[in-house]
Amino acid sequence: MTNRTLTPCEAEVMNAIWPLGAATVQDVVDAIPRPLAYTTVMTTMKILEEKGFVERGEKRGRAYVYRPLISSESASCDTVTELAQRFFDGSVKSMVLSLIKTDQISAKDLAELRNAIDSLEKK
């Protein structure tokens, strides 16, 4: 896989495929809440196949079934890493501090982060 990050449209399609485990183009069209043309989804799924995010498998009727080759956790980790590289010189710390400074994190989220940090420090 050459490009390990997803465009917004690719992420929207993958977010429809992951919970299904396997999906046809029509399954994805039906799962996406906003109106999206069948051909747009089909093209996006072909791009995802070329990028190595999904594989095209057996046919269900006249439609191919696509299966994810990468987990949502792995894709999100790759995207976070890429964002840190692009905007924060690779510093995850700077990225997190930037989120905190912009009031994008609630008090509850901060408490969860503190617990996660405490757990990591104990290891």
N, C-alpha and C. Protein backbone atom coordinates (compact mmCIF):
# COMPACT_ATOMS: atom_id res chain seq x y z
N MET A 1 0.86 -1.16 0.00
CA MET A 1 0.00 0.00 0.00
C MET A 1 0.91 1.23 0.00
N THR A 2 0.76 2.08 -1.01
CA THR A 2 1.63 3.23 -1.10
C THR A 2 1.15 4.39 -0.26
N ASN A 3 -0.12 4.75 -0.35
CA ASN A 3 -0.67 5.86 0.43
C ASN A 3 -1.53 5.27 1.54
N ARG A 4 -1.08 5.43 2.78
CA ARG A 4 -1.77 4.78 3.89
C ARG A 4 -2.82 5.67 4.55
N THR A 5 -3.10 6.84 3.95
CA THR A 5 -4.13 7.69 4.51
C THR A 5 -5.33 7.71 3.58
N LEU A 6 -6.48 8.01 4.16
CA LEU A 6 -7.74 8.02 3.43
C LEU A 6 -8.19 9.45 3.17
N THR A 7 -8.72 9.68 1.97
CA THR A 7 -9.38 10.96 1.71
C THR A 7 -10.70 10.97 2.49
N PRO A 8 -11.34 12.12 2.64
CA PRO A 8 -12.63 12.13 3.34
C PRO A 8 -13.67 11.18 2.73
N CYS A 9 -13.76 11.13 1.41
CA CYS A 9 -14.74 10.23 0.78
C CYS A 9 -14.35 8.77 1.00
N GLU A 10 -13.06 8.46 0.90
CA GLU A 10 -12.61 7.09 1.14
C GLU A 10 -12.89 6.68 2.58
N ALA A 11 -12.67 7.59 3.52
CA ALA A 11 -12.95 7.29 4.93
C ALA A 11 -14.44 7.04 5.14
N GLU A 12 -15.27 7.81 4.47
CA GLU A 12 -16.72 7.62 4.59
C GLU A 12 -17.13 6.23 4.10
N VAL A 13 -16.54 5.80 2.99
CA VAL A 13 -16.83 4.46 2.46
C VAL A 13 -16.29 3.38 3.40
N MET A 14 -15.07 3.55 3.88
CA MET A 14 -14.50 2.56 4.80
C MET A 14 -15.31 2.49 6.09
N ASN A 15 -15.79 3.64 6.57
CA ASN A 15 -16.61 3.64 7.79
C ASN A 15 -17.93 2.92 7.58
N ALA A 16 -18.36 2.77 6.34
CA ALA A 16 -19.55 1.96 6.03
C ALA A 16 -19.19 0.49 5.93
N ILE A 17 -18.01 0.18 5.41
CA ILE A 17 -17.59 -1.22 5.20
C ILE A 17 -17.19 -1.89 6.51
N TRP A 18 -16.42 -1.20 7.36
CA TRP A 18 -15.90 -1.84 8.57
C TRP A 18 -16.97 -2.50 9.43
N PRO A 19 -18.07 -1.83 9.77
CA PRO A 19 -19.07 -2.52 10.62
C PRO A 19 -19.76 -3.68 9.91
N LEU A 20 -19.82 -3.62 8.58
CA LEU A 20 -20.46 -4.70 7.83
C LEU A 20 -19.54 -5.91 7.67
N GLY A 21 -18.25 -5.67 7.69
CA GLY A 21 -17.29 -6.76 7.51
C GLY A 21 -17.04 -7.11 6.05
N ALA A 22 -18.07 -7.05 5.25
CA ALA A 22 -17.99 -7.27 3.81
C ALA A 22 -19.18 -6.56 3.20
N ALA A 23 -18.99 -5.96 2.03
CA ALA A 23 -20.07 -5.16 1.48
C ALA A 23 -19.96 -5.05 -0.03
N THR A 24 -21.12 -4.98 -0.66
CA THR A 24 -21.18 -4.64 -2.08
C THR A 24 -21.26 -3.12 -2.19
N VAL A 25 -21.13 -2.62 -3.40
CA VAL A 25 -21.26 -1.19 -3.62
C VAL A 25 -22.63 -0.72 -3.12
N GLN A 26 -23.68 -1.47 -3.43
CA GLN A 26 -25.02 -1.08 -3.01
C GLN A 26 -25.15 -1.08 -1.49
N ASP A 27 -24.51 -2.04 -0.82
CA ASP A 27 -24.53 -2.05 0.65
C ASP A 27 -23.95 -0.74 1.21
N VAL A 28 -22.87 -0.27 0.59
CA VAL A 28 -22.22 0.95 1.04
C VAL A 28 -23.11 2.16 0.75
N VAL A 29 -23.67 2.21 -0.45
CA VAL A 29 -24.59 3.30 -0.80
C VAL A 29 -25.71 3.37 0.22
N ASP A 30 -26.27 2.22 0.59
CA ASP A 30 -27.36 2.18 1.55
C ASP A 30 -26.93 2.58 2.96
N ALA A 31 -25.67 2.32 3.30
CA ALA A 31 -25.19 2.58 4.66
C ALA A 31 -24.77 4.04 4.89
N ILE A 32 -24.46 4.75 3.83
CA ILE A 32 -24.02 6.14 3.96
C ILE A 32 -25.25 7.02 4.05
N PRO A 33 -25.34 7.85 5.09
CA PRO A 33 -26.56 8.63 5.32
C PRO A 33 -26.85 9.71 4.28
N ARG A 34 -25.82 10.25 3.68
CA ARG A 34 -26.07 11.30 2.68
C ARG A 34 -26.23 10.68 1.29
N PRO A 35 -26.96 11.35 0.41
CA PRO A 35 -27.11 10.78 -0.94
C PRO A 35 -25.78 10.80 -1.69
N LEU A 36 -25.41 9.65 -2.18
CA LEU A 36 -24.16 9.50 -2.92
C LEU A 36 -24.44 8.59 -4.10
N ALA A 37 -23.98 8.98 -5.27
CA ALA A 37 -24.24 8.19 -6.48
C ALA A 37 -23.55 6.83 -6.40
N TYR A 38 -24.23 5.83 -6.92
CA TYR A 38 -23.70 4.47 -6.98
C TYR A 38 -22.33 4.48 -7.65
N THR A 39 -22.21 5.22 -8.76
CA THR A 39 -20.94 5.23 -9.51
C THR A 39 -19.82 5.88 -8.70
N THR A 40 -20.15 6.87 -7.88
CA THR A 40 -19.15 7.50 -7.02
C THR A 40 -18.61 6.51 -6.01
N VAL A 41 -19.52 5.75 -5.39
CA VAL A 41 -19.11 4.74 -4.41
C VAL A 41 -18.30 3.65 -5.10
N MET A 42 -18.75 3.22 -6.29
CA MET A 42 -18.04 2.17 -7.02
C MET A 42 -16.62 2.62 -7.36
N THR A 43 -16.46 3.85 -7.83
CA THR A 43 -15.13 4.37 -8.16
C THR A 43 -14.26 4.46 -6.91
N THR A 44 -14.84 4.93 -5.82
CA THR A 44 -14.09 5.04 -4.56
C THR A 44 -13.64 3.66 -4.08
N MET A 45 -14.51 2.65 -4.21
CA MET A 45 -14.13 1.31 -3.78
C MET A 45 -13.03 0.73 -4.66
N LYS A 46 -13.04 1.06 -5.95
CA LYS A 46 -11.95 0.61 -6.83
C LYS A 46 -10.63 1.28 -6.43
N ILE A 47 -10.70 2.55 -6.07
CA ILE A 47 -9.49 3.25 -5.60
C ILE A 47 -8.99 2.62 -4.30
N LEU A 48 -9.92 2.32 -3.39
CA LEU A 48 -9.54 1.67 -2.12
C LEU A 48 -8.90 0.31 -2.38
N GLU A 49 -9.38 -0.40 -3.38
CA GLU A 49 -8.77 -1.68 -3.73
C GLU A 49 -7.35 -1.46 -4.26
N GLU A 50 -7.17 -0.47 -5.13
CA GLU A 50 -5.84 -0.16 -5.68
C GLU A 50 -4.87 0.26 -4.59
N LYS A 51 -5.37 0.98 -3.58
CA LYS A 51 -4.53 1.45 -2.48
C LYS A 51 -4.29 0.36 -1.44
N GLY A 52 -4.98 -0.77 -1.54
CA GLY A 52 -4.75 -1.89 -0.63
C GLY A 52 -5.57 -1.84 0.64
N PHE A 53 -6.63 -1.04 0.67
CA PHE A 53 -7.50 -0.97 1.85
C PHE A 53 -8.58 -2.04 1.84
N VAL A 54 -9.02 -2.45 0.65
CA VAL A 54 -10.03 -3.50 0.52
C VAL A 54 -9.61 -4.47 -0.55
N GLU A 55 -10.21 -5.66 -0.50
CA GLU A 55 -10.02 -6.62 -1.58
C GLU A 55 -11.38 -6.97 -2.15
N ARG A 56 -11.41 -7.15 -3.47
CA ARG A 56 -12.65 -7.55 -4.12
C ARG A 56 -12.69 -9.06 -4.15
N GLY A 57 -13.75 -9.61 -3.59
CA GLY A 57 -13.87 -11.06 -3.48
C GLY A 57 -14.90 -11.65 -4.41
N GLU A 58 -15.64 -12.59 -3.87
CA GLU A 58 -16.64 -13.33 -4.64
C GLU A 58 -17.78 -12.42 -5.08
N LYS A 59 -18.56 -12.93 -6.00
CA LYS A 59 -19.73 -12.19 -6.45
C LYS A 59 -20.95 -12.60 -5.63
N ARG A 60 -21.79 -11.64 -5.35
CA ARG A 60 -23.09 -11.88 -4.74
C ARG A 60 -24.11 -11.42 -5.79
N GLY A 61 -24.68 -12.37 -6.49
CA GLY A 61 -25.51 -12.01 -7.64
C GLY A 61 -24.60 -11.44 -8.71
N ARG A 62 -24.87 -10.22 -9.12
CA ARG A 62 -24.03 -9.57 -10.13
C ARG A 62 -23.00 -8.62 -9.52
N ALA A 63 -23.01 -8.49 -8.20
CA ALA A 63 -22.14 -7.52 -7.53
C ALA A 63 -20.99 -8.20 -6.81
N TYR A 64 -19.84 -7.57 -6.84
CA TYR A 64 -18.69 -8.06 -6.09
C TYR A 64 -18.81 -7.67 -4.62
N VAL A 65 -18.26 -8.52 -3.77
CA VAL A 65 -18.23 -8.25 -2.34
C VAL A 65 -16.82 -7.80 -1.98
N TYR A 66 -16.73 -6.67 -1.30
CA TYR A 66 -15.44 -6.11 -0.88
C TYR A 66 -15.25 -6.34 0.62
N ARG A 67 -14.01 -6.68 0.99
CA ARG A 67 -13.67 -6.90 2.38
C ARG A 67 -12.50 -5.99 2.76
N PRO A 68 -12.54 -5.44 3.97
CA PRO A 68 -11.43 -4.57 4.39
C PRO A 68 -10.16 -5.38 4.63
N LEU A 69 -9.04 -4.81 4.25
CA LEU A 69 -7.73 -5.43 4.49
C LEU A 69 -7.00 -4.76 5.63
N ILE A 70 -7.54 -3.66 6.12
CA ILE A 70 -6.92 -2.91 7.20
C ILE A 70 -8.03 -2.56 8.20
N SER A 71 -7.71 -2.60 9.47
CA SER A 71 -8.71 -2.29 10.49
C SER A 71 -8.89 -0.77 10.60
N SER A 72 -10.01 -0.38 11.18
CA SER A 72 -10.25 1.05 11.39
C SER A 72 -9.20 1.61 12.36
N GLU A 73 -8.79 0.82 13.33
CA GLU A 73 -7.77 1.26 14.29
C GLU A 73 -6.45 1.53 13.57
N SER A 74 -6.07 0.64 12.68
CA SER A 74 -4.82 0.82 11.95
C SER A 74 -4.89 2.03 11.03
N ALA A 75 -6.02 2.21 10.36
CA ALA A 75 -6.19 3.36 9.46
C ALA A 75 -6.15 4.67 10.24
N SER A 76 -6.82 4.69 11.40
CA SER A 76 -6.82 5.93 12.18
C SER A 76 -5.43 6.22 12.73
N CYS A 77 -4.70 5.21 13.13
CA CYS A 77 -3.33 5.38 13.62
C CYS A 77 -2.44 5.94 12.51
N ASP A 78 -2.58 5.39 11.31
CA ASP A 78 -1.79 5.89 10.17
C ASP A 78 -2.12 7.35 9.88
N THR A 79 -3.40 7.71 9.98
CA THR A 79 -3.81 9.08 9.71
C THR A 79 -3.28 10.04 10.77
N VAL A 80 -3.35 9.64 12.03
CA VAL A 80 -2.83 10.47 13.12
C VAL A 80 -1.33 10.66 12.95
N THR A 81 -0.62 9.60 12.62
CA THR A 81 0.82 9.69 12.39
C THR A 81 1.13 10.65 11.25
N GLU A 82 0.34 10.54 10.17
CA GLU A 82 0.56 11.41 9.02
C GLU A 82 0.27 12.87 9.38
N LEU A 83 -0.79 13.12 10.14
CA LEU A 83 -1.10 14.48 10.59
C LEU A 83 0.01 15.05 11.47
N ALA A 84 0.52 14.23 12.36
CA ALA A 84 1.62 14.68 13.22
C ALA A 84 2.84 15.02 12.38
N GLN A 85 3.14 14.20 11.38
CA GLN A 85 4.28 14.47 10.49
C GLN A 85 4.07 15.76 9.71
N ARG A 86 2.87 15.92 9.15
CA ARG A 86 2.60 17.05 8.26
C ARG A 86 2.55 18.39 8.98
N PHE A 87 1.92 18.42 10.16
CA PHE A 87 1.67 19.69 10.82
C PHE A 87 2.50 19.95 12.08
N PHE A 88 3.08 18.90 12.67
CA PHE A 88 3.74 19.07 13.97
C PHE A 88 5.15 18.47 13.98
N ASP A 89 5.80 18.40 12.84
CA ASP A 89 7.16 17.85 12.74
C ASP A 89 7.26 16.47 13.38
N GLY A 90 6.18 15.71 13.30
CA GLY A 90 6.19 14.35 13.84
C GLY A 90 5.93 14.26 15.33
N SER A 91 5.69 15.38 15.98
CA SER A 91 5.51 15.39 17.43
C SER A 91 4.04 15.18 17.80
N VAL A 92 3.76 14.00 18.32
CA VAL A 92 2.40 13.71 18.79
C VAL A 92 2.09 14.58 19.99
N LYS A 93 3.09 14.82 20.83
CA LYS A 93 2.91 15.69 22.00
C LYS A 93 2.42 17.07 21.57
N SER A 94 3.06 17.65 20.57
CA SER A 94 2.65 18.97 20.08
C SER A 94 1.23 18.94 19.52
N MET A 95 0.89 17.85 18.86
CA MET A 95 -0.45 17.72 18.29
C MET A 95 -1.50 17.67 19.41
N VAL A 96 -1.24 16.89 20.43
CA VAL A 96 -2.18 16.76 21.56
C VAL A 96 -2.28 18.09 22.30
N LEU A 97 -1.16 18.73 22.53
CA LEU A 97 -1.17 20.04 23.21
C LEU A 97 -1.96 21.06 22.40
N SER A 98 -1.85 20.99 21.08
CA SER A 98 -2.61 21.89 20.22
C SER A 98 -4.10 21.67 20.38
N LEU A 99 -4.52 20.42 20.46
CA LEU A 99 -5.94 20.11 20.67
C LEU A 99 -6.42 20.63 22.02
N ILE A 100 -5.60 20.46 23.03
CA ILE A 100 -5.98 20.92 24.37
C ILE A 100 -6.10 22.44 24.40
N LYS A 101 -5.17 23.13 23.77
CA LYS A 101 -5.17 24.59 23.79
C LYS A 101 -6.35 25.18 23.03
N THR A 102 -6.90 24.46 22.07
CA THR A 102 -8.01 25.00 21.27
C THR A 102 -9.36 24.63 21.86
N ASP A 103 -9.38 24.13 23.08
CA ASP A 103 -10.62 23.77 23.77
C ASP A 103 -11.45 22.74 23.00
N GLN A 104 -10.78 21.86 22.29
CA GLN A 104 -11.46 20.80 21.56
C GLN A 104 -11.69 19.56 22.41
N ILE A 105 -11.18 19.59 23.64
CA ILE A 105 -11.29 18.42 24.52
C ILE A 105 -12.10 18.81 25.75
N SER A 106 -13.10 17.99 26.04
CA SER A 106 -13.95 18.25 27.21
C SER A 106 -13.23 17.84 28.50
N ALA A 107 -13.79 18.26 29.61
CA ALA A 107 -13.23 17.90 30.92
C ALA A 107 -13.24 16.38 31.10
N LYS A 108 -14.30 15.74 30.64
CA LYS A 108 -14.39 14.28 30.73
C LYS A 108 -13.28 13.62 29.90
N ASP A 109 -13.06 14.14 28.70
CA ASP A 109 -11.99 13.61 27.85
C ASP A 109 -10.63 13.80 28.49
N LEU A 110 -10.42 14.97 29.10
CA LEU A 110 -9.14 15.23 29.78
C LEU A 110 -8.92 14.24 30.92
N ALA A 111 -9.98 13.93 31.66
CA ALA A 111 -9.87 12.96 32.75
C ALA A 111 -9.48 11.58 32.20
N GLU A 112 -10.07 11.20 31.08
CA GLU A 112 -9.71 9.92 30.45
C GLU A 112 -8.26 9.93 29.99
N LEU A 113 -7.82 11.05 29.44
CA LEU A 113 -6.42 11.16 29.02
C LEU A 113 -5.49 11.04 30.22
N ARG A 114 -5.84 11.70 31.33
CA ARG A 114 -5.01 11.61 32.55
C ARG A 114 -4.91 10.16 33.01
N ASN A 115 -6.04 9.44 33.00
CA ASN A 115 -6.03 8.03 33.40
C ASN A 115 -5.15 7.20 32.46
N ALA A 116 -5.24 7.48 31.16
CA ALA A 116 -4.42 6.74 30.20
C ALA A 116 -2.94 7.02 30.43
N ILE A 117 -2.61 8.28 30.67
CA ILE A 117 -1.21 8.65 30.93
C ILE A 117 -0.73 8.00 32.23
N ASP A 118 -1.54 8.02 33.27
CA ASP A 118 -1.17 7.38 34.54
C ASP A 118 -0.91 5.90 34.33
N SER A 119 -1.76 5.24 33.55
CA SER A 119 -1.58 3.81 33.29
C SER A 119 -0.28 3.54 32.55
N LEU A 120 0.03 4.40 31.57
CA LEU A 120 1.28 4.23 30.83
C LEU A 120 2.51 4.45 31.71
N GLU A 121 2.43 5.42 32.59
CA GLU A 121 3.55 5.72 33.48
C GLU A 121 3.81 4.61 34.47
N LYS A 122 2.77 3.86 34.85
CA LYS A 122 2.92 2.76 35.81
C LYS A 122 3.60 1.55 35.17
N LYS A 123 3.59 1.46 33.86
CA LYS A 123 4.19 0.29 33.19
C LYS A 123 5.67 0.30 33.18
